[in-house]
């Protein structure tokens, strides 16, 4: 998903190496044309949650379009692998921050974002992870920050499961029901729809909290 990658890279600062990112993008997509597409999706979704720059959506879309009737299967694979990878990100922040975590944060030029998260994470743990799990905001920065701040692991996992499942099943569902013709729509509007969903979701919770 090109727009997703561009937005994530704009947050991370890795646009300083556009050729590297483009080559990684093409390398990821080529796995959809091999017998190892599903395994590649597992590894990509897992690693993107803690360090890898290319989001798994690009391979998920390619695989789902190639076999639309398996779109939900690929969505499940991506969601489970991503949540599991988020656990690795949490552990990096929790126990390996100085050894690995600092280098990952520096690579994405996300020091300011990490500092802000560290200051407020325990108060907004669930919402912070949920927003990152759904939107193109670099999820890996949130998973590492959650571990570094010793955020509640159960809440972290719940938000990750909800957010990652929504994100990937939304993509899989659109392809399952509309096929390849929906690809352009996903590429163009997925980021906007993700943010709109988060606004509606948070607004609904606030309405329940303060009105009812």
N, C-alpha and C. Protein backbone atom coordinates (compact mmCIF):
# COMPACT_ATOMS: atom_id res chain seq x y z
N UNK A 1 0.85 -1.18 0.00
CA UNK A 1 0.00 0.00 0.00
C UNK A 1 0.89 1.23 0.00
N UNK A 2 1.07 1.83 -1.17
CA UNK A 2 2.06 2.87 -1.34
C UNK A 2 1.81 4.05 -0.43
N UNK A 3 0.56 4.52 -0.34
CA UNK A 3 0.29 5.69 0.49
C UNK A 3 0.57 5.42 1.94
N UNK A 4 0.27 4.21 2.39
CA UNK A 4 0.57 3.86 3.77
C UNK A 4 2.05 3.96 4.04
N UNK A 5 2.83 3.44 3.11
CA UNK A 5 4.28 3.46 3.28
C UNK A 5 4.78 4.89 3.31
N UNK A 6 4.25 5.73 2.40
CA UNK A 6 4.70 7.11 2.35
C UNK A 6 4.38 7.83 3.64
N UNK A 7 3.17 7.59 4.18
CA UNK A 7 2.79 8.27 5.40
C UNK A 7 3.63 7.78 6.57
N UNK A 8 3.83 6.48 6.66
CA UNK A 8 4.64 5.96 7.76
C UNK A 8 6.05 6.49 7.66
N UNK A 9 6.60 6.55 6.46
CA UNK A 9 7.95 7.03 6.31
C UNK A 9 8.06 8.51 6.62
N UNK A 10 6.98 9.28 6.36
CA UNK A 10 7.02 10.70 6.66
C UNK A 10 7.11 10.92 8.15
N UNK A 11 6.51 10.02 8.95
CA UNK A 11 6.63 10.11 10.40
C UNK A 11 8.00 9.66 10.86
N UNK A 12 8.53 8.67 10.16
CA UNK A 12 9.74 8.04 10.66
C UNK A 12 11.02 8.75 10.26
N UNK A 13 10.93 9.52 9.17
CA UNK A 13 12.14 10.18 8.70
C UNK A 13 12.96 9.31 7.78
N UNK A 14 12.52 8.08 7.50
CA UNK A 14 13.31 7.18 6.67
C UNK A 14 13.21 7.53 5.20
N UNK A 15 12.49 8.62 4.84
CA UNK A 15 12.47 9.06 3.46
C UNK A 15 13.86 9.54 3.01
N UNK A 16 14.78 9.65 3.95
CA UNK A 16 16.15 9.99 3.58
C UNK A 16 16.77 8.87 2.77
N UNK A 17 16.17 7.70 2.80
CA UNK A 17 16.68 6.57 2.04
C UNK A 17 15.58 6.01 1.16
N UNK A 18 15.01 6.84 0.22
CA UNK A 18 13.85 6.40 -0.56
C UNK A 18 14.14 5.21 -1.44
N UNK A 19 15.37 5.13 -1.98
CA UNK A 19 15.70 4.01 -2.86
C UNK A 19 15.69 2.69 -2.10
N UNK A 20 16.18 2.72 -0.87
CA UNK A 20 16.19 1.51 -0.05
C UNK A 20 14.75 1.08 0.24
N UNK A 21 13.91 2.04 0.63
CA UNK A 21 12.51 1.71 0.93
C UNK A 21 11.81 1.18 -0.30
N UNK A 22 12.06 1.77 -1.47
CA UNK A 22 11.42 1.32 -2.70
C UNK A 22 11.86 -0.10 -3.04
N UNK A 23 13.13 -0.38 -2.85
CA UNK A 23 13.61 -1.73 -3.13
C UNK A 23 13.00 -2.74 -2.16
N UNK A 24 12.89 -2.35 -0.89
CA UNK A 24 12.24 -3.22 0.08
C UNK A 24 10.78 -3.47 -0.29
N UNK A 25 10.10 -2.43 -0.72
CA UNK A 25 8.70 -2.52 -1.14
C UNK A 25 8.55 -3.52 -2.28
N UNK A 26 9.39 -3.38 -3.31
CA UNK A 26 9.33 -4.30 -4.45
C UNK A 26 9.69 -5.72 -4.03
N UNK A 27 10.65 -5.84 -3.14
CA UNK A 27 11.07 -7.16 -2.67
C UNK A 27 9.93 -7.83 -1.90
N UNK A 28 9.22 -7.07 -1.08
CA UNK A 28 8.08 -7.61 -0.34
C UNK A 28 7.00 -8.08 -1.31
N UNK A 29 6.68 -7.26 -2.30
CA UNK A 29 5.60 -7.61 -3.23
C UNK A 29 5.92 -8.85 -4.06
N UNK A 30 7.18 -9.08 -4.36
CA UNK A 30 7.51 -10.21 -5.22
C UNK A 30 7.16 -11.55 -4.57
N UNK A 31 7.06 -11.59 -3.23
CA UNK A 31 6.74 -12.84 -2.55
C UNK A 31 5.31 -13.30 -2.84
N UNK A 32 4.45 -12.38 -3.25
CA UNK A 32 3.07 -12.77 -3.59
C UNK A 32 3.03 -13.67 -4.81
N UNK A 33 4.08 -13.65 -5.61
CA UNK A 33 4.13 -14.44 -6.83
C UNK A 33 4.91 -15.74 -6.64
N UNK A 34 5.20 -16.08 -5.39
CA UNK A 34 5.94 -17.29 -5.10
C UNK A 34 5.09 -18.22 -4.22
N UNK A 35 5.50 -19.48 -4.08
CA UNK A 35 4.76 -20.40 -3.19
C UNK A 35 4.92 -20.06 -1.71
N UNK A 36 5.77 -19.08 -1.41
CA UNK A 36 6.06 -18.74 -0.01
C UNK A 36 5.37 -17.46 0.43
N UNK A 37 4.31 -17.08 -0.28
CA UNK A 37 3.62 -15.83 0.01
C UNK A 37 3.08 -15.76 1.43
N UNK A 38 2.45 -16.84 1.88
CA UNK A 38 1.87 -16.85 3.23
C UNK A 38 2.95 -16.75 4.30
N UNK A 39 4.02 -17.51 4.14
CA UNK A 39 5.13 -17.45 5.08
C UNK A 39 5.75 -16.05 5.10
N UNK A 40 5.88 -15.46 3.91
CA UNK A 40 6.43 -14.11 3.84
C UNK A 40 5.53 -13.12 4.58
N UNK A 41 4.21 -13.31 4.47
CA UNK A 41 3.26 -12.44 5.17
C UNK A 41 3.42 -12.58 6.68
N UNK A 42 3.62 -13.80 7.15
CA UNK A 42 3.84 -14.04 8.59
C UNK A 42 5.06 -13.28 9.06
N UNK A 43 6.16 -13.44 8.35
CA UNK A 43 7.42 -12.81 8.76
C UNK A 43 7.35 -11.29 8.65
N UNK A 44 6.70 -10.80 7.59
CA UNK A 44 6.59 -9.36 7.40
C UNK A 44 5.73 -8.72 8.49
N UNK A 45 4.56 -9.30 8.75
CA UNK A 45 3.66 -8.74 9.76
C UNK A 45 4.31 -8.80 11.14
N UNK A 46 5.03 -9.86 11.41
CA UNK A 46 5.70 -10.01 12.70
C UNK A 46 6.79 -8.95 12.87
N UNK A 47 7.65 -8.83 11.87
CA UNK A 47 8.81 -7.94 11.99
C UNK A 47 8.42 -6.47 11.91
N UNK A 48 7.36 -6.15 11.17
CA UNK A 48 6.96 -4.74 11.05
C UNK A 48 6.49 -4.17 12.37
N UNK A 49 6.04 -5.03 13.28
CA UNK A 49 5.54 -4.55 14.56
C UNK A 49 6.65 -4.14 15.52
N UNK A 50 7.89 -4.43 15.16
CA UNK A 50 8.99 -4.08 16.06
C UNK A 50 10.16 -3.37 15.39
N UNK A 51 10.36 -3.59 14.05
CA UNK A 51 11.52 -2.92 13.46
C UNK A 51 11.44 -2.71 11.95
N UNK A 52 10.75 -3.57 11.19
CA UNK A 52 10.81 -3.52 9.73
C UNK A 52 9.98 -2.35 9.19
N UNK A 53 10.47 -1.62 8.16
CA UNK A 53 9.80 -0.39 7.72
C UNK A 53 8.58 -0.58 6.82
N UNK A 54 8.49 -1.69 6.08
CA UNK A 54 7.39 -1.85 5.12
C UNK A 54 6.19 -2.50 5.79
N UNK A 55 5.01 -1.85 5.76
CA UNK A 55 3.83 -2.43 6.41
C UNK A 55 3.34 -3.66 5.67
N UNK A 56 2.72 -4.62 6.36
CA UNK A 56 2.29 -5.87 5.73
C UNK A 56 1.10 -5.71 4.80
N UNK A 57 0.44 -4.55 4.83
CA UNK A 57 -0.74 -4.34 3.99
C UNK A 57 -0.44 -4.58 2.51
N UNK A 58 0.75 -4.20 2.07
CA UNK A 58 1.07 -4.31 0.65
C UNK A 58 1.05 -5.77 0.20
N UNK A 59 1.61 -6.65 0.99
CA UNK A 59 1.62 -8.08 0.65
C UNK A 59 0.25 -8.70 0.89
N UNK A 60 -0.44 -8.28 1.94
CA UNK A 60 -1.79 -8.77 2.21
C UNK A 60 -2.70 -8.48 1.02
N UNK A 61 -2.66 -7.27 0.49
CA UNK A 61 -3.49 -6.91 -0.65
C UNK A 61 -3.15 -7.75 -1.86
N UNK A 62 -1.87 -7.92 -2.14
CA UNK A 62 -1.45 -8.70 -3.31
C UNK A 62 -1.91 -10.15 -3.20
N UNK A 63 -1.75 -10.75 -2.03
CA UNK A 63 -2.16 -12.14 -1.84
C UNK A 63 -3.67 -12.29 -1.91
N UNK A 64 -4.38 -11.36 -1.27
CA UNK A 64 -5.84 -11.45 -1.25
C UNK A 64 -6.43 -11.27 -2.65
N UNK A 65 -5.86 -10.38 -3.43
CA UNK A 65 -6.34 -10.17 -4.80
C UNK A 65 -6.07 -11.40 -5.66
N UNK A 66 -4.95 -12.06 -5.40
CA UNK A 66 -4.61 -13.25 -6.20
C UNK A 66 -5.59 -14.39 -5.93
N UNK A 67 -6.07 -14.51 -4.69
CA UNK A 67 -7.07 -15.54 -4.34
C UNK A 67 -8.09 -14.88 -3.40
N UNK A 68 -9.08 -14.16 -3.94
CA UNK A 68 -10.03 -13.42 -3.10
C UNK A 68 -10.76 -14.27 -2.07
N UNK A 69 -11.03 -15.55 -2.38
CA UNK A 69 -11.76 -16.38 -1.44
C UNK A 69 -10.94 -16.70 -0.19
N UNK A 70 -9.62 -16.42 -0.23
CA UNK A 70 -8.76 -16.63 0.93
C UNK A 70 -8.39 -15.31 1.61
N UNK A 71 -9.10 -14.25 1.26
CA UNK A 71 -8.76 -12.93 1.78
C UNK A 71 -8.83 -12.89 3.30
N UNK A 72 -9.87 -13.51 3.88
CA UNK A 72 -10.00 -13.49 5.34
C UNK A 72 -8.92 -14.34 6.01
N UNK A 73 -8.52 -15.40 5.34
CA UNK A 73 -7.43 -16.22 5.87
C UNK A 73 -6.15 -15.40 5.94
N UNK A 74 -5.85 -14.68 4.87
CA UNK A 74 -4.65 -13.86 4.86
C UNK A 74 -4.75 -12.74 5.91
N UNK A 75 -5.94 -12.21 6.10
CA UNK A 75 -6.14 -11.18 7.13
C UNK A 75 -5.85 -11.74 8.51
N UNK A 76 -6.32 -12.96 8.76
CA UNK A 76 -6.06 -13.60 10.05
C UNK A 76 -4.58 -13.84 10.25
N UNK A 77 -3.91 -14.31 9.22
CA UNK A 77 -2.47 -14.54 9.30
C UNK A 77 -1.74 -13.24 9.64
N UNK A 78 -2.11 -12.16 8.96
CA UNK A 78 -1.47 -10.87 9.21
C UNK A 78 -1.74 -10.37 10.62
N UNK A 79 -2.98 -10.50 11.08
CA UNK A 79 -3.34 -10.00 12.41
C UNK A 79 -2.61 -10.75 13.51
N UNK A 80 -2.64 -12.09 13.45
CA UNK A 80 -1.99 -12.90 14.48
C UNK A 80 -0.48 -12.64 14.49
N UNK A 81 0.11 -12.60 13.32
CA UNK A 81 1.56 -12.39 13.22
C UNK A 81 1.95 -11.00 13.72
N UNK A 82 1.12 -10.01 13.40
CA UNK A 82 1.42 -8.64 13.81
C UNK A 82 1.31 -8.48 15.33
N UNK A 83 0.27 -9.05 15.91
CA UNK A 83 0.12 -8.97 17.37
C UNK A 83 1.26 -9.68 18.07
N UNK A 84 1.66 -10.84 17.54
CA UNK A 84 2.80 -11.56 18.11
C UNK A 84 4.08 -10.74 17.99
N UNK A 85 4.26 -10.09 16.84
CA UNK A 85 5.41 -9.22 16.67
C UNK A 85 5.38 -8.03 17.61
N UNK A 86 4.17 -7.56 17.93
CA UNK A 86 4.04 -6.48 18.89
C UNK A 86 4.55 -6.87 20.27
N UNK A 87 4.39 -8.14 20.60
CA UNK A 87 4.93 -8.65 21.86
C UNK A 87 6.45 -8.55 21.87
N UNK A 88 7.06 -8.81 20.72
CA UNK A 88 8.52 -8.66 20.62
C UNK A 88 8.90 -7.20 20.80
N UNK A 89 8.13 -6.30 20.17
CA UNK A 89 8.40 -4.88 20.34
C UNK A 89 8.30 -4.46 21.78
N UNK A 90 7.29 -4.97 22.48
CA UNK A 90 7.12 -4.67 23.90
C UNK A 90 8.33 -5.16 24.69
N UNK A 91 8.80 -6.37 24.38
CA UNK A 91 9.95 -6.92 25.09
C UNK A 91 11.22 -6.12 24.82
N UNK A 92 11.37 -5.65 23.58
CA UNK A 92 12.54 -4.83 23.25
C UNK A 92 12.55 -3.58 24.13
N UNK A 93 11.39 -2.93 24.26
CA UNK A 93 11.31 -1.76 25.11
C UNK A 93 11.49 -2.08 26.58
N UNK A 94 10.97 -3.23 26.99
CA UNK A 94 10.99 -3.62 28.40
C UNK A 94 12.38 -4.04 28.87
N UNK A 95 13.06 -4.85 28.06
CA UNK A 95 14.32 -5.41 28.53
C UNK A 95 15.54 -5.13 27.69
N UNK A 96 15.33 -4.61 26.47
CA UNK A 96 16.47 -4.40 25.57
C UNK A 96 16.51 -2.98 25.03
N UNK A 97 15.98 -2.05 25.79
CA UNK A 97 15.85 -0.68 25.28
C UNK A 97 17.21 -0.09 24.93
N UNK A 98 18.17 -0.20 25.81
CA UNK A 98 19.48 0.40 25.56
C UNK A 98 20.27 -0.34 24.50
N UNK A 99 20.01 -1.63 24.38
CA UNK A 99 20.77 -2.45 23.43
C UNK A 99 20.21 -2.34 22.01
N UNK A 100 18.88 -2.42 21.88
CA UNK A 100 18.25 -2.44 20.56
C UNK A 100 17.24 -1.30 20.38
N UNK A 101 16.43 -1.08 21.39
CA UNK A 101 15.33 -0.14 21.26
C UNK A 101 15.77 1.25 20.83
N UNK A 102 16.80 1.77 21.45
CA UNK A 102 17.29 3.12 21.13
C UNK A 102 17.69 3.21 19.66
N UNK A 103 18.31 2.16 19.14
CA UNK A 103 18.76 2.17 17.74
C UNK A 103 17.57 2.17 16.79
N UNK A 104 16.51 1.43 17.12
CA UNK A 104 15.32 1.42 16.28
C UNK A 104 14.65 2.78 16.27
N UNK A 105 14.51 3.37 17.45
CA UNK A 105 13.90 4.69 17.55
C UNK A 105 14.71 5.71 16.75
N UNK A 106 16.03 5.63 16.85
CA UNK A 106 16.90 6.57 16.13
C UNK A 106 16.79 6.36 14.63
N UNK A 107 16.71 5.13 14.18
CA UNK A 107 16.62 4.84 12.74
C UNK A 107 15.41 5.52 12.13
N UNK A 108 14.30 5.53 12.86
CA UNK A 108 13.07 6.15 12.37
C UNK A 108 12.96 7.63 12.74
N UNK A 109 13.99 8.17 13.34
CA UNK A 109 14.00 9.59 13.75
C UNK A 109 12.74 9.91 14.56
N UNK A 110 12.40 9.00 15.47
CA UNK A 110 11.16 9.13 16.24
C UNK A 110 11.42 9.45 17.70
N UNK A 111 12.54 10.11 17.98
CA UNK A 111 12.88 10.42 19.38
C UNK A 111 11.82 11.29 20.05
N UNK A 112 11.32 12.30 19.32
CA UNK A 112 10.32 13.18 19.91
C UNK A 112 9.01 12.44 20.18
N UNK A 113 8.58 11.62 19.22
CA UNK A 113 7.36 10.83 19.40
C UNK A 113 7.53 9.88 20.58
N UNK A 114 8.68 9.24 20.67
CA UNK A 114 8.93 8.30 21.76
C UNK A 114 8.90 9.02 23.11
N UNK A 115 9.48 10.22 23.16
CA UNK A 115 9.50 10.98 24.41
C UNK A 115 8.09 11.35 24.85
N UNK A 116 7.26 11.77 23.89
CA UNK A 116 5.88 12.12 24.23
C UNK A 116 5.10 10.91 24.71
N UNK A 117 5.32 9.78 24.05
CA UNK A 117 4.63 8.56 24.46
C UNK A 117 5.07 8.14 25.86
N UNK A 118 6.35 8.23 26.11
CA UNK A 118 6.87 7.81 27.41
C UNK A 118 6.29 8.63 28.54
N UNK A 119 5.97 9.90 28.26
CA UNK A 119 5.44 10.78 29.30
C UNK A 119 3.97 10.52 29.61
N UNK A 120 3.24 9.96 28.64
CA UNK A 120 1.79 9.84 28.82
C UNK A 120 1.25 8.43 28.65
N UNK A 121 2.14 7.47 28.38
CA UNK A 121 1.67 6.14 27.96
C UNK A 121 0.81 5.44 29.01
N UNK A 122 1.22 5.48 30.25
CA UNK A 122 0.46 4.77 31.27
C UNK A 122 -0.96 5.30 31.42
N UNK A 123 -1.15 6.59 31.14
CA UNK A 123 -2.48 7.18 31.26
C UNK A 123 -3.36 6.84 30.07
N UNK A 124 -2.76 6.78 28.89
CA UNK A 124 -3.53 6.54 27.68
C UNK A 124 -3.11 5.25 26.98
N UNK A 125 -2.74 4.26 27.75
CA UNK A 125 -2.19 3.02 27.21
C UNK A 125 -3.07 2.42 26.12
N UNK A 126 -4.32 2.14 26.44
CA UNK A 126 -5.22 1.46 25.51
C UNK A 126 -5.40 2.26 24.22
N UNK A 127 -5.72 3.55 24.36
CA UNK A 127 -6.00 4.38 23.19
C UNK A 127 -4.76 4.59 22.34
N UNK A 128 -3.62 4.75 22.97
CA UNK A 128 -2.39 4.96 22.22
C UNK A 128 -2.08 3.76 21.34
N UNK A 129 -2.16 2.57 21.90
CA UNK A 129 -1.87 1.36 21.12
C UNK A 129 -2.95 1.14 20.06
N UNK A 130 -4.21 1.38 20.40
CA UNK A 130 -5.30 1.15 19.45
C UNK A 130 -5.15 2.06 18.24
N UNK A 131 -4.86 3.32 18.48
CA UNK A 131 -4.66 4.26 17.37
C UNK A 131 -3.51 3.80 16.48
N UNK A 132 -2.41 3.40 17.10
CA UNK A 132 -1.24 2.96 16.33
C UNK A 132 -1.52 1.65 15.59
N UNK A 133 -2.32 0.78 16.19
CA UNK A 133 -2.58 -0.53 15.58
C UNK A 133 -3.44 -0.41 14.33
N UNK A 134 -4.27 0.64 14.26
CA UNK A 134 -5.18 0.79 13.13
C UNK A 134 -4.62 1.72 12.07
N UNK A 135 -4.08 2.84 12.49
CA UNK A 135 -3.67 3.88 11.56
C UNK A 135 -2.24 3.66 11.07
N UNK A 136 -1.80 4.47 10.10
CA UNK A 136 -0.42 4.32 9.59
C UNK A 136 0.65 4.85 10.54
N UNK A 137 0.29 5.39 11.71
CA UNK A 137 1.30 5.80 12.67
C UNK A 137 2.19 4.59 12.96
N UNK A 138 3.52 4.76 12.98
CA UNK A 138 4.41 3.60 13.14
C UNK A 138 4.10 2.78 14.39
N UNK A 139 3.52 1.62 14.19
CA UNK A 139 3.10 0.77 15.31
C UNK A 139 4.28 0.34 16.15
N UNK A 140 5.42 0.14 15.50
CA UNK A 140 6.62 -0.33 16.21
C UNK A 140 7.07 0.64 17.29
N UNK A 141 6.90 1.94 17.04
CA UNK A 141 7.31 2.93 18.04
C UNK A 141 6.44 2.80 19.29
N UNK A 142 5.16 2.50 19.08
CA UNK A 142 4.24 2.35 20.21
C UNK A 142 4.51 1.07 20.99
N UNK A 143 4.82 -0.01 20.28
CA UNK A 143 5.06 -1.26 20.99
C UNK A 143 6.32 -1.16 21.85
N UNK A 144 7.35 -0.53 21.31
CA UNK A 144 8.59 -0.36 22.08
C UNK A 144 8.37 0.59 23.25
N UNK A 145 7.63 1.67 23.00
CA UNK A 145 7.36 2.63 24.07
C UNK A 145 6.53 1.99 25.17
N UNK A 146 5.59 1.12 24.80
CA UNK A 146 4.77 0.43 25.81
C UNK A 146 5.65 -0.40 26.74
N UNK A 147 6.61 -1.11 26.16
CA UNK A 147 7.51 -1.90 26.99
C UNK A 147 8.44 -1.05 27.83
N UNK A 148 8.96 0.02 27.23
CA UNK A 148 9.90 0.88 27.94
C UNK A 148 9.27 1.56 29.15
N UNK A 149 7.95 1.86 29.05
CA UNK A 149 7.25 2.53 30.15
C UNK A 149 6.57 1.53 31.08
N UNK A 150 6.78 0.23 30.84
CA UNK A 150 6.18 -0.83 31.66
C UNK A 150 4.65 -0.71 31.67
N UNK A 151 4.08 -0.37 30.51
CA UNK A 151 2.64 -0.25 30.40
C UNK A 151 1.98 -1.59 30.68
N UNK A 152 0.74 -1.57 31.15
CA UNK A 152 0.01 -2.79 31.47
C UNK A 152 -0.02 -3.71 30.25
N UNK A 153 0.54 -4.90 30.38
CA UNK A 153 0.68 -5.79 29.23
C UNK A 153 -0.67 -6.31 28.74
N UNK A 154 -1.59 -6.58 29.65
CA UNK A 154 -2.90 -7.06 29.25
C UNK A 154 -3.66 -6.04 28.43
N UNK A 155 -3.62 -4.79 28.87
CA UNK A 155 -4.28 -3.71 28.13
C UNK A 155 -3.61 -3.52 26.77
N UNK A 156 -2.30 -3.58 26.77
CA UNK A 156 -1.53 -3.47 25.53
C UNK A 156 -1.95 -4.54 24.53
N UNK A 157 -2.07 -5.78 24.99
CA UNK A 157 -2.45 -6.88 24.10
C UNK A 157 -3.88 -6.72 23.60
N UNK A 158 -4.80 -6.31 24.46
CA UNK A 158 -6.19 -6.13 24.06
C UNK A 158 -6.30 -5.09 22.96
N UNK A 159 -5.64 -3.96 23.14
CA UNK A 159 -5.68 -2.90 22.13
C UNK A 159 -5.03 -3.36 20.83
N UNK A 160 -3.96 -4.11 20.93
CA UNK A 160 -3.27 -4.62 19.74
C UNK A 160 -4.17 -5.58 18.96
N UNK A 161 -4.80 -6.49 19.66
CA UNK A 161 -5.68 -7.47 19.00
C UNK A 161 -6.82 -6.76 18.29
N UNK A 162 -7.48 -5.82 18.97
CA UNK A 162 -8.60 -5.10 18.36
C UNK A 162 -8.13 -4.28 17.17
N UNK A 163 -7.08 -3.51 17.36
CA UNK A 163 -6.61 -2.63 16.31
C UNK A 163 -6.07 -3.34 15.09
N UNK A 164 -5.19 -4.30 15.29
CA UNK A 164 -4.60 -5.02 14.17
C UNK A 164 -5.65 -5.86 13.43
N UNK A 165 -6.58 -6.46 14.18
CA UNK A 165 -7.63 -7.25 13.54
C UNK A 165 -8.51 -6.36 12.67
N UNK A 166 -8.90 -5.21 13.21
CA UNK A 166 -9.74 -4.31 12.42
C UNK A 166 -9.02 -3.89 11.15
N UNK A 167 -7.78 -3.49 11.28
CA UNK A 167 -7.04 -2.98 10.13
C UNK A 167 -6.94 -4.02 9.02
N UNK A 168 -6.53 -5.23 9.35
CA UNK A 168 -6.28 -6.23 8.32
C UNK A 168 -7.57 -6.88 7.82
N UNK A 169 -8.55 -7.08 8.69
CA UNK A 169 -9.81 -7.66 8.23
C UNK A 169 -10.62 -6.67 7.40
N UNK A 170 -10.42 -5.37 7.64
CA UNK A 170 -11.07 -4.37 6.80
C UNK A 170 -10.55 -4.48 5.37
N UNK A 171 -9.24 -4.62 5.24
CA UNK A 171 -8.64 -4.78 3.91
C UNK A 171 -9.10 -6.09 3.27
N UNK A 172 -9.01 -7.18 4.02
CA UNK A 172 -9.42 -8.48 3.50
C UNK A 172 -10.89 -8.51 3.11
N UNK A 173 -11.73 -7.90 3.93
CA UNK A 173 -13.16 -7.89 3.65
C UNK A 173 -13.49 -7.13 2.38
N UNK A 174 -12.86 -6.00 2.18
CA UNK A 174 -13.10 -5.22 0.97
C UNK A 174 -12.71 -6.00 -0.27
N UNK A 175 -11.58 -6.68 -0.21
CA UNK A 175 -11.14 -7.46 -1.36
C UNK A 175 -12.02 -8.69 -1.56
N UNK A 176 -12.44 -9.33 -0.48
CA UNK A 176 -13.28 -10.52 -0.58
C UNK A 176 -14.60 -10.20 -1.29
N UNK A 177 -15.20 -9.06 -0.94
CA UNK A 177 -16.50 -8.73 -1.49
C UNK A 177 -16.44 -7.97 -2.81
N UNK A 178 -15.36 -7.23 -3.04
CA UNK A 178 -15.31 -6.39 -4.24
C UNK A 178 -14.21 -6.76 -5.20
N UNK A 179 -13.29 -7.63 -4.80
CA UNK A 179 -12.25 -8.09 -5.70
C UNK A 179 -11.23 -7.04 -6.05
N UNK A 180 -10.56 -7.23 -7.17
CA UNK A 180 -9.43 -6.38 -7.54
C UNK A 180 -9.85 -4.94 -7.80
N UNK A 181 -11.11 -4.71 -8.15
CA UNK A 181 -11.53 -3.34 -8.46
C UNK A 181 -11.51 -2.43 -7.23
N UNK A 182 -11.43 -3.03 -6.04
CA UNK A 182 -11.39 -2.21 -4.82
C UNK A 182 -9.97 -1.78 -4.48
N UNK A 183 -8.98 -2.34 -5.16
CA UNK A 183 -7.58 -2.06 -4.81
C UNK A 183 -7.26 -0.56 -4.86
N UNK A 184 -7.70 0.10 -5.93
CA UNK A 184 -7.43 1.53 -6.05
C UNK A 184 -8.07 2.33 -4.94
N UNK A 185 -9.27 1.93 -4.56
CA UNK A 185 -9.98 2.62 -3.47
C UNK A 185 -9.22 2.46 -2.16
N UNK A 186 -8.75 1.25 -1.88
CA UNK A 186 -7.99 1.00 -0.65
C UNK A 186 -6.72 1.84 -0.64
N UNK A 187 -5.99 1.82 -1.76
CA UNK A 187 -4.75 2.58 -1.84
C UNK A 187 -4.97 4.07 -1.59
N UNK A 188 -6.08 4.57 -2.12
CA UNK A 188 -6.32 6.01 -2.08
C UNK A 188 -6.89 6.48 -0.75
N UNK A 189 -7.79 5.68 -0.16
CA UNK A 189 -8.55 6.18 0.97
C UNK A 189 -8.36 5.43 2.29
N UNK A 190 -7.52 4.39 2.32
CA UNK A 190 -7.42 3.59 3.54
C UNK A 190 -6.96 4.41 4.74
N UNK A 191 -5.96 5.24 4.55
CA UNK A 191 -5.46 6.06 5.67
C UNK A 191 -6.54 6.98 6.21
N UNK A 192 -7.28 7.64 5.29
CA UNK A 192 -8.34 8.55 5.70
C UNK A 192 -9.44 7.80 6.43
N UNK A 193 -9.81 6.63 5.91
CA UNK A 193 -10.87 5.84 6.55
C UNK A 193 -10.44 5.35 7.92
N UNK A 194 -9.17 4.99 8.06
CA UNK A 194 -8.67 4.55 9.36
C UNK A 194 -8.78 5.65 10.41
N UNK A 195 -8.37 6.85 10.02
CA UNK A 195 -8.43 7.98 10.95
C UNK A 195 -9.88 8.32 11.28
N UNK A 196 -10.76 8.29 10.27
CA UNK A 196 -12.17 8.57 10.50
C UNK A 196 -12.78 7.56 11.45
N UNK A 197 -12.42 6.28 11.28
CA UNK A 197 -12.93 5.25 12.18
C UNK A 197 -12.51 5.52 13.61
N UNK A 198 -11.25 5.92 13.80
CA UNK A 198 -10.77 6.19 15.15
C UNK A 198 -11.52 7.35 15.78
N UNK A 199 -11.81 8.39 14.99
CA UNK A 199 -12.57 9.53 15.51
C UNK A 199 -13.95 9.10 15.96
N UNK A 200 -14.60 8.28 15.13
CA UNK A 200 -15.93 7.80 15.47
C UNK A 200 -15.90 6.88 16.69
N UNK A 201 -14.89 6.03 16.76
CA UNK A 201 -14.79 5.09 17.88
C UNK A 201 -14.58 5.84 19.20
N UNK A 202 -13.63 6.76 19.21
CA UNK A 202 -13.36 7.53 20.42
C UNK A 202 -14.54 8.39 20.78
N UNK A 203 -15.17 8.99 19.76
CA UNK A 203 -16.36 9.80 20.01
C UNK A 203 -17.48 9.00 20.64
N UNK A 204 -17.64 7.76 20.19
CA UNK A 204 -18.68 6.90 20.76
C UNK A 204 -18.42 6.59 22.22
N UNK A 205 -17.18 6.30 22.56
CA UNK A 205 -16.84 6.03 23.96
C UNK A 205 -17.06 7.26 24.84
N UNK A 206 -16.69 8.43 24.32
CA UNK A 206 -16.89 9.66 25.08
C UNK A 206 -18.38 9.94 25.28
N UNK A 207 -19.15 9.65 24.25
CA UNK A 207 -20.59 9.86 24.36
C UNK A 207 -21.19 8.96 25.43
N UNK A 208 -20.78 7.71 25.44
CA UNK A 208 -21.27 6.78 26.46
C UNK A 208 -20.83 7.21 27.85
N UNK A 209 -19.59 7.70 27.95
CA UNK A 209 -19.04 8.06 29.27
C UNK A 209 -19.71 9.30 29.84
N UNK A 210 -19.97 10.32 29.01
CA UNK A 210 -20.41 11.60 29.55
C UNK A 210 -21.90 11.89 29.37
N UNK A 211 -22.58 11.09 28.55
CA UNK A 211 -23.99 11.35 28.30
C UNK A 211 -24.88 10.33 28.99
N UNK A 212 -24.47 9.06 28.92
CA UNK A 212 -25.34 8.00 29.47
C UNK A 212 -24.95 7.62 30.90
